[in-house]
């Protein structure tokens, strides 16, 4: 026969409304005072538990950071790292001791919590008094100006190191250099290497471009691996090198395909940049050529009738006068005005006061001189 254990009810505080009180005592006020005092004791006890849990979490966090640092130092070959190694080990030992103390205090707190008597406030709790939805915290995105400033600051500080990494060719050399300079494993390095590739292609340094392109894809693969693992890129770049050095043919082909595709994109961007520079140069030259009326002499020359073009080719004024006399007056005036506005024809006839005679006067003078020759 199953027996019921009633011992669980031995540590229950009797409800306030069941207590007998003296007739001269204000019972409601007494009940309120007792309840308030009990709630304050419970609040203090709860606060103590929260502080112990917080201390335990903080201790574990510090220990994890020290152990991560210890792992990095053990893999490093630098003398300074070896000297720091013993100090970090001592720190790890101290944190482990603190962790045990925190666990012990928290365990004692929970034993004490179990021994506390139940009361009207702890006998039962609301099961579904509210609905809680897990909402992903909103991450503030950086503005374009902030990204640009961050990139500029990083490049100013580490440009020399990024260029050095871009020139490395062996897997082991790249891994060792990133181990010595883990701050380079980031988006800013990848972005600078992309720009560096385009600059080298524009300068027609194709072999160097292909070398830096290889390191660019290395950095991009590391960043993609970090995203897939949801870890800091600085903590997984060794995994990439281990994987790429022992990779199957499929993974190696994926790397090579991405590399070739990237080099094609670099060539395309370099071509666009060169074409843009050429257009800007041509426009600057055109602006320098513009005549007093704002017209381009090359464009005006190409729009002239073939007969007038020959006159300017041979620099023969008599031929120009003859050509004008044979043309329609309105058409001739239009061509002459455009020649003067572009600087292709510079009037040299001036009045006694030294003022220009004007486009129409220039045309009439050429026509008159042509009539005299006839």
Protein backbone atom coordinates (compact mmCIF):
# COMPACT_ATOMS: atom_id res chain seq x y z
CA UNK A 1 0.00 0.00 0.00
CA UNK A 2 1.33 3.41 -0.99
CA UNK A 3 1.75 5.89 1.84
CA UNK A 4 1.54 9.64 1.48
CA UNK A 5 4.43 11.71 2.79
CA UNK A 6 2.97 14.66 4.65
CA UNK A 7 6.34 15.97 5.83
CA UNK A 8 6.35 18.45 3.00
CA UNK A 9 3.68 20.41 4.85
CA UNK A 10 5.72 20.71 8.05
CA UNK A 11 7.46 23.90 6.93
CA UNK A 12 4.53 26.05 5.92
CA UNK A 13 3.93 29.39 7.60
CA UNK A 14 0.32 29.65 8.79
CA UNK A 15 -1.67 32.13 6.73
CA UNK A 16 -2.06 35.54 8.34
CA UNK A 17 -5.84 35.44 8.35
CA UNK A 18 -5.83 32.29 10.56
CA UNK A 19 -3.80 33.80 13.41
CA UNK A 20 -5.57 34.80 16.59
CA UNK A 21 -4.87 38.35 17.69
CA UNK A 22 -5.70 40.41 20.77
CA UNK A 23 -8.97 42.36 20.50
CA UNK A 24 -7.12 45.65 21.07
CA UNK A 25 -4.75 45.07 18.14
CA UNK A 26 -5.67 46.33 14.68
CA UNK A 27 -5.67 42.96 12.89
CA UNK A 28 -5.56 44.23 9.26
CA UNK A 29 -2.58 46.48 10.06
CA UNK A 30 -0.78 43.60 11.77
CA UNK A 31 -1.36 41.35 8.79
CA UNK A 32 -0.05 44.02 6.42
CA UNK A 33 3.07 44.53 8.55
CA UNK A 34 3.81 40.80 8.73
CA UNK A 35 3.33 40.42 4.99
CA UNK A 36 5.57 43.40 4.23
CA UNK A 37 8.33 42.10 6.54
CA UNK A 38 8.16 38.65 4.91
CA UNK A 39 8.31 40.12 1.39
CA UNK A 40 11.39 42.20 2.32
CA UNK A 41 13.15 39.08 3.65
CA UNK A 42 12.30 37.18 0.48
CA UNK A 43 13.50 40.07 -1.69
CA UNK A 44 16.86 40.25 0.13
CA UNK A 45 17.29 36.50 -0.17
CA UNK A 46 16.46 36.63 -3.91
CA UNK A 47 18.92 39.51 -4.39
CA UNK A 48 21.65 37.43 -2.75
CA UNK A 49 20.95 34.56 -5.17
CA UNK A 50 21.03 36.88 -8.20
CA UNK A 51 24.39 38.29 -7.12
CA UNK A 52 25.83 34.79 -6.67
CA UNK A 53 24.61 33.71 -10.13
CA UNK A 54 25.97 36.90 -11.67
CA UNK A 55 29.37 36.34 -10.02
CA UNK A 56 29.43 32.74 -11.29
CA UNK A 57 28.66 33.81 -14.89
CA UNK A 58 31.31 36.55 -14.79
CA UNK A 59 33.91 34.14 -13.43
CA UNK A 60 33.17 31.60 -16.16
CA UNK A 61 33.41 34.32 -18.80
CA UNK A 62 36.82 35.49 -17.60
CA UNK A 63 38.04 31.89 -17.42
CA UNK A 64 36.91 31.25 -21.02
CA UNK A 65 38.77 34.36 -22.23
CA UNK A 66 41.95 33.35 -20.41
CA UNK A 67 41.76 29.78 -21.76
CA UNK A 68 41.30 31.12 -25.31
CA UNK A 69 44.28 33.42 -24.86
CA UNK A 70 46.30 30.54 -23.42
CA UNK A 71 45.50 28.41 -26.48
CA UNK A 72 46.65 31.18 -28.84
CA UNK A 73 49.89 31.68 -26.91
CA UNK A 74 50.64 27.95 -26.95
CA UNK A 75 50.34 27.96 -30.76
CA UNK A 76 52.51 31.07 -31.15
CA UNK A 77 56.24 30.87 -31.81
CA UNK A 78 57.10 34.40 -30.64
CA UNK A 79 59.42 34.72 -27.64
CA UNK A 80 57.24 37.40 -26.05
CA UNK A 81 54.29 35.00 -26.18
CA UNK A 82 56.29 32.31 -24.39
CA UNK A 83 57.21 34.76 -21.65
CA UNK A 84 53.56 35.71 -21.19
CA UNK A 85 52.47 32.06 -21.18
CA UNK A 86 53.45 31.36 -17.57
CA UNK A 87 51.64 34.46 -16.34
CA UNK A 88 48.44 33.46 -18.16
CA UNK A 89 48.63 29.95 -16.68
CA UNK A 90 48.78 31.41 -13.18
CA UNK A 91 45.78 33.58 -14.00
CA UNK A 92 43.89 30.52 -15.27
CA UNK A 93 44.64 28.60 -12.07
CA UNK A 94 43.37 31.49 -9.92
CA UNK A 95 40.16 31.79 -11.96
CA UNK A 96 39.48 28.05 -11.65
CA UNK A 97 39.79 28.38 -7.89
CA UNK A 98 37.36 31.32 -7.90
CA UNK A 99 34.96 29.31 -10.08
CA UNK A 100 34.89 26.47 -7.53
CA UNK A 101 34.20 28.94 -4.71
CA UNK A 102 31.32 30.49 -6.68
CA UNK A 103 29.83 27.05 -7.37
CA UNK A 104 30.11 26.13 -3.70
CA UNK A 105 28.40 29.34 -2.51
CA UNK A 106 25.61 28.94 -5.05
CA UNK A 107 25.04 25.33 -3.99
CA UNK A 108 24.80 26.39 -0.33
CA UNK A 109 22.32 29.10 -1.30
CA UNK A 110 20.10 26.59 -3.11
CA UNK A 111 20.16 24.20 -0.12
CA UNK A 112 19.14 27.07 2.12
CA UNK A 113 16.40 28.02 -0.35
CA UNK A 114 14.91 24.50 -0.17
CA UNK A 115 14.78 24.69 3.65
CA UNK A 116 12.81 27.94 3.66
CA UNK A 117 9.15 27.49 4.78
CA UNK A 118 6.37 27.98 2.26
CA UNK A 119 3.88 30.78 2.70
CA UNK A 120 0.87 32.25 1.00
CA UNK A 121 3.12 34.00 -1.57
CA UNK A 122 5.14 30.91 -2.56
CA UNK A 123 2.63 28.08 -2.43
CA UNK A 124 1.50 28.77 -5.98
CA UNK A 125 2.49 30.88 -8.95
CA UNK A 126 0.77 32.05 -12.09
CA UNK A 127 1.18 29.58 -14.91
CA UNK A 128 0.21 31.71 -17.89
CA UNK A 129 -0.25 35.25 -16.75
CA UNK A 130 1.52 36.65 -19.83
CA UNK A 131 2.90 35.65 -23.19
CA UNK A 132 6.61 36.07 -23.92
CA UNK A 133 7.93 36.21 -27.45
CA UNK A 134 11.59 35.73 -28.28
CA UNK A 135 12.46 38.71 -30.44
CA UNK A 136 15.87 39.03 -31.98
CA UNK A 137 17.51 42.21 -30.67
CA UNK A 138 17.68 44.91 -33.27
CA UNK A 139 21.25 45.48 -34.42
CA UNK A 140 22.03 49.01 -35.47
CA UNK A 141 23.56 49.02 -38.93
CA UNK A 142 26.52 51.26 -39.64
CA UNK A 143 25.95 54.14 -42.04
CA UNK A 144 28.02 54.43 -45.21
CA UNK A 145 29.94 57.34 -43.66
CA UNK A 146 30.76 55.26 -40.56
CA UNK A 147 31.88 52.30 -42.67
CA UNK A 148 34.06 54.55 -44.82
CA UNK A 149 35.67 56.19 -41.78
CA UNK A 150 36.26 52.79 -40.15
CA UNK A 151 37.91 51.47 -43.31
CA UNK A 152 40.06 54.61 -43.69
CA UNK A 153 41.28 54.45 -40.07
CA UNK A 154 42.11 50.74 -40.33
CA UNK A 155 44.03 51.13 -43.60
CA UNK A 156 46.03 54.08 -42.29
CA UNK A 157 47.13 51.96 -39.34
CA UNK A 158 47.78 48.57 -41.04
CA UNK A 159 48.34 49.31 -44.75
CA UNK A 160 51.91 48.01 -44.75
CA UNK A 161 50.90 44.72 -43.08
CA UNK A 162 47.96 44.21 -45.49
CA UNK A 163 50.25 44.68 -48.51
CA UNK A 164 52.72 42.19 -47.03
CA UNK A 165 49.96 39.61 -46.61
CA UNK A 166 48.81 40.24 -50.19
CA UNK A 167 52.24 39.25 -51.52
CA UNK A 168 52.47 35.91 -49.66
CA UNK A 169 52.21 32.78 -51.79
CA UNK A 170 52.37 29.71 -49.53
CA UNK A 171 49.57 28.46 -47.27
CA UNK A 172 51.89 28.05 -44.28
CA UNK A 173 53.32 31.56 -44.68
CA UNK A 174 49.83 33.06 -44.80
CA UNK A 175 48.69 31.12 -41.73
CA UNK A 176 51.75 32.11 -39.69
CA UNK A 177 51.44 35.77 -40.67
CA UNK A 178 47.76 35.88 -39.65
CA UNK A 179 48.62 34.08 -36.39
CA UNK A 180 51.13 36.85 -35.65
CA UNK A 181 48.68 39.57 -36.82
CA UNK A 182 45.13 38.29 -36.11
CA UNK A 183 43.70 41.84 -36.36
CA UNK A 184 44.09 41.55 -40.14
CA UNK A 185 41.35 38.89 -40.32
CA UNK A 186 38.45 41.26 -41.06
CA UNK A 187 36.32 42.85 -43.79
CA UNK A 188 38.56 45.92 -44.01
CA UNK A 189 41.53 43.80 -45.11
CA UNK A 190 39.44 42.05 -47.78
CA UNK A 191 38.12 45.38 -49.09
CA UNK A 192 41.60 46.90 -49.32
CA UNK A 193 42.94 43.85 -51.18
CA UNK A 194 40.12 44.18 -53.75
CA UNK A 195 41.03 47.83 -54.39
CA UNK A 196 44.70 46.86 -54.55
CA UNK A 197 43.93 44.27 -57.26
CA UNK A 198 42.08 46.82 -59.41
CA UNK A 199 44.93 49.36 -59.03
CA UNK A 200 47.51 46.76 -60.13
CA UNK A 201 45.42 45.76 -63.16
CA UNK A 202 45.03 49.42 -64.19
CA UNK A 203 48.82 49.76 -63.95
CA UNK A 204 49.07 46.64 -66.18
CA UNK A 205 50.89 44.68 -63.45
CA UNK A 206 48.93 41.54 -64.28
CA UNK A 207 51.12 38.97 -62.47
CA UNK A 208 51.05 40.94 -59.23
CA UNK A 209 47.29 41.37 -59.56
CA UNK A 210 46.81 37.61 -59.78
CA UNK A 211 48.98 37.07 -56.69
CA UNK A 212 47.01 39.58 -54.59
CA UNK A 213 43.74 38.20 -56.00
CA UNK A 214 44.65 34.78 -54.54
CA UNK A 215 45.12 36.28 -51.07
CA UNK A 216 41.88 38.24 -51.44
CA UNK A 217 39.93 35.03 -52.00
CA UNK A 218 41.75 33.43 -49.04
CA UNK A 219 40.50 36.26 -46.80
CA UNK A 220 36.97 36.08 -48.24
CA UNK A 221 36.79 32.30 -47.67
CA UNK A 222 37.87 32.80 -44.04
CA UNK A 223 35.15 35.43 -43.53
CA UNK A 224 32.52 33.18 -45.11
CA UNK A 225 33.59 30.27 -42.88
CA UNK A 226 33.24 32.53 -39.82
CA UNK A 227 29.71 33.50 -40.88
CA UNK A 228 28.67 29.89 -41.38
CA UNK A 229 30.08 28.91 -37.96
CA UNK A 230 28.78 32.13 -36.34
CA UNK A 231 32.15 32.86 -34.73
CA UNK A 232 34.73 35.62 -34.83
CA UNK A 233 36.90 35.28 -37.99
CA UNK A 234 40.04 35.55 -35.85
CA UNK A 235 39.05 32.33 -34.13
CA UNK A 236 38.56 30.16 -37.22
CA UNK A 237 41.20 31.12 -39.80
CA UNK A 238 43.35 28.13 -38.73
CA UNK A 239 40.41 25.87 -39.57
CA UNK A 240 40.36 27.29 -43.09
CA UNK A 241 44.04 26.58 -43.71
CA UNK A 242 43.69 23.07 -42.27
CA UNK A 243 40.72 22.48 -44.54
CA UNK A 244 42.24 23.94 -47.73
CA UNK A 245 45.53 22.02 -47.30
CA UNK A 246 43.72 18.72 -46.84
CA UNK A 247 40.70 19.55 -49.01
CA UNK A 248 39.08 17.18 -51.45
CA UNK A 249 39.02 18.06 -55.14
CA UNK A 250 35.53 19.54 -54.93
CA UNK A 251 36.51 22.12 -52.30
CA UNK A 252 39.72 22.98 -54.16
CA UNK A 253 37.76 23.43 -57.41
CA UNK A 254 35.31 25.75 -55.64
CA UNK A 255 38.23 27.88 -54.41
CA UNK A 256 39.85 28.01 -57.88
CA UNK A 257 36.53 28.82 -59.60
CA UNK A 258 35.91 31.72 -57.24
CA UNK A 259 39.48 32.95 -57.80
CA UNK A 260 39.13 32.93 -61.60
CA UNK A 261 35.73 34.61 -61.40
CA UNK A 262 37.16 37.29 -59.11
CA UNK A 263 40.07 38.00 -61.48
CA UNK A 264 37.61 38.46 -64.37
CA UNK A 265 35.61 40.94 -62.28
CA UNK A 266 38.81 42.82 -61.45
CA UNK A 267 39.72 43.06 -65.15
CA UNK A 268 36.23 44.34 -65.91
CA UNK A 269 36.41 47.01 -63.19
CA UNK A 270 39.89 48.06 -64.32
CA UNK A 271 38.66 48.43 -67.92
CA UNK A 272 35.77 50.63 -66.78
CA UNK A 273 38.13 52.77 -64.69
CA UNK A 274 40.53 53.21 -67.64
CA UNK A 275 37.68 54.16 -70.00
CA UNK A 276 36.39 56.67 -67.47
CA UNK A 277 39.87 58.18 -67.07
CA UNK A 278 40.24 58.45 -70.86
CA UNK A 279 36.88 60.21 -71.17
CA UNK A 280 37.84 62.65 -68.42
CA UNK A 281 41.17 63.31 -70.14
CA UNK A 282 39.50 63.85 -73.51
CA UNK A 283 37.01 66.24 -71.95
CA UNK A 284 39.83 68.20 -70.30
CA UNK A 285 41.64 68.45 -73.63
CA UNK A 286 38.43 69.52 -75.34
CA UNK A 287 37.88 72.26 -72.77
CA UNK A 288 41.41 73.52 -73.41
CA UNK A 289 40.71 73.64 -77.19
CA UNK A 290 37.48 75.61 -76.96
CA UNK A 291 37.55 78.88 -78.89
CA UNK A 292 36.32 82.33 -77.80
CA UNK A 293 32.73 81.37 -78.68
CA UNK A 294 32.85 78.09 -76.71
CA UNK A 295 33.07 75.77 -79.73
CA UNK A 296 35.54 72.94 -80.26
CA UNK A 297 37.75 73.62 -83.34
CA UNK A 298 38.06 69.87 -84.06
CA UNK A 299 34.29 69.41 -84.11
CA UNK A 300 33.81 72.55 -86.23
CA UNK A 301 36.50 71.47 -88.71
CA UNK A 302 34.91 68.05 -89.14
CA UNK A 303 31.52 69.73 -89.85
CA UNK A 304 32.91 72.00 -92.62
CA UNK A 305 32.44 71.23 -96.33
CA UNK A 306 35.37 69.35 -97.81
CA UNK A 307 36.42 72.36 -99.88
CA UNK A 308 36.72 74.57 -96.78
CA UNK A 309 38.62 71.82 -94.94
CA UNK A 310 41.26 71.83 -97.71
CA UNK A 311 41.65 75.60 -97.26
CA UNK A 312 42.47 75.17 -93.57
CA UNK A 313 44.70 72.14 -94.27
CA UNK A 314 46.83 74.19 -96.69
CA UNK A 315 46.42 77.42 -94.68
CA UNK A 316 45.52 79.17 -97.91
CA UNK A 317 43.40 82.30 -97.43
CA UNK A 318 42.89 82.77 -101.19
CA UNK A 319 41.37 79.27 -101.45
CA UNK A 320 39.09 80.12 -98.49
CA UNK A 321 37.94 83.32 -100.17
CA UNK A 322 37.18 81.44 -103.40
CA UNK A 323 35.28 78.71 -101.52
CA UNK A 324 33.14 81.25 -99.65
CA UNK A 325 32.26 83.16 -102.84
CA UNK A 326 30.88 79.97 -104.39
CA UNK A 327 28.71 79.08 -101.38
CA UNK A 328 25.22 80.16 -100.40
CA UNK A 329 25.63 83.44 -98.41
CA UNK A 330 23.60 82.22 -95.43
CA UNK A 331 25.51 78.92 -95.28
CA UNK A 332 28.84 80.71 -95.70
CA UNK A 333 28.06 83.13 -92.86
CA UNK A 334 27.11 80.24 -90.57
CA UNK A 335 30.34 78.35 -91.26
CA UNK A 336 32.49 81.46 -90.82
CA UNK A 337 30.80 82.32 -87.52
CA UNK A 338 31.45 78.82 -86.20
CA UNK A 339 35.08 79.00 -87.37
CA UNK A 340 35.57 82.26 -85.49
CA UNK A 341 33.76 81.03 -82.33
CA UNK A 342 35.97 77.94 -82.24
CA UNK A 343 39.21 79.83 -82.88
CA UNK A 344 39.72 78.00 -86.17
CA UNK A 345 39.72 81.35 -87.92
CA UNK A 346 41.20 84.33 -86.07
CA UNK A 347 40.09 87.70 -87.49
CA UNK A 348 43.03 90.02 -88.12
CA UNK A 349 41.18 93.05 -89.55
CA UNK A 350 40.65 95.75 -86.98
CA UNK A 351 39.32 99.29 -87.07
CA UNK A 352 41.54 102.29 -86.39
CA UNK A 353 40.30 102.24 -82.77
CA UNK A 354 41.56 98.64 -82.46
CA UNK A 355 38.08 97.04 -82.14
CA UNK A 356 37.05 93.80 -83.85
CA UNK A 357 34.89 94.25 -86.93
CA UNK A 358 32.66 91.29 -86.01
CA UNK A 359 31.73 88.02 -87.68
CA UNK A 360 29.55 89.52 -90.41
CA UNK A 361 32.11 92.22 -91.23
CA UNK A 362 34.79 89.52 -91.46
CA UNK A 363 32.63 87.51 -93.84
CA UNK A 364 31.92 90.62 -95.98
CA UNK A 365 35.62 91.44 -96.10
CA UNK A 366 36.50 87.92 -97.28
CA UNK A 367 33.71 88.08 -99.87
CA UNK A 368 34.84 91.54 -101.11
CA UNK A 369 38.45 90.40 -101.41
CA UNK A 370 37.29 87.35 -103.31
CA UNK A 371 35.30 89.67 -105.71
CA UNK A 372 38.35 91.81 -106.33
CA UNK A 373 40.40 88.77 -107.25
CA UNK A 374 37.72 87.77 -109.76
